[in-house]
Amino acid sequence: MDAEEGLEHTMEYKVLKAYMKRRRPEGTKLESADHDIQKPSSKMVKKCKIMKFFSCVHPQTEELDSRPKKDGRVIEFRCLNGDDGAVEVADRLMKIADSVPVACIENVESDIESDGPEGDDRNPTLPYPDDVIQEIVELLKESGDKLDKEVKNNKRLAEIQKSFDYNIFKKVTDTFLQNMGFYGNLKNQKAKIALAFEVTSRLTAMDNHPMNRVLGFGAKYLQENHSTWIQQHGGWDNAFDSNEDDEVH
């Protein structure tokens, strides 16, 4: 069994499903992997515009755990229930991803280390050179559908699609973040996580890939790179609380 399998019941996977569902255009047929994520009614969406943290997307019961801080203040930790909680977190992450300025989307010299010999752009752990990965990233910056369309007309991209695995997913995501100026940056953790969600969502647009497999890659990536930070900030229920200004300027 692949390492990314068996993650369907994790919070990372559930939030990724919710995020992907929200990003898909109206009328797009979705695979069974996300059938249990419900889209809110238009009435709910309108109401969300005047309420913080999109708390009305799905009515839900929240269990509050009040814990005193060192200075005597009390901080409330929420425990959101089931898929409703995943939808709420996904909405918050979408807002963060959408706040990344267009100016950030530019090519910069890669800081991602390569184990290959000097002058060789092929990473020995990957079957494809870095310029192909960069081409995928450039297409992802536009849209997942743009990537899917190009794959059908580009032999090199079609080949990488056929052998797409977690190592390639990780390289694409790391390169995307590096291009956006976030790779290796200890600040803007919320933006890095939100952009990882965005990359995963766009990669699901590739026709020949099982959606749940790509979501599994995304869940594994989040666990490997961001689980510690999320746990330190109260878990998925609390790490993206809107009490702070999360928008990237």
Foldseek 3Di string as FASTA:
>chain_A
DDPLPPCLPPLLLLLLLLLLVVPDDPPDDDDPSNPPQDFADPVLVVVLVPDPLSCSRPDFDWDWDWDADPVGDIDTFTDTDDSSLSNSLSVLLVVQQVLQDPVLQAADDDPDDAPDDPPFQCRPVDPDGVVVLVVLLVQVVVFLLSLQVVCVVDVVSVVCVVVPDLVSLVSSLLNNCVSSVRRPPPPLPSNSLSSLSSSLSSPCSNPVDDNSRSSSSSSVVCCVPPPVVQVVQNHSSGNSGPVDPNRDD
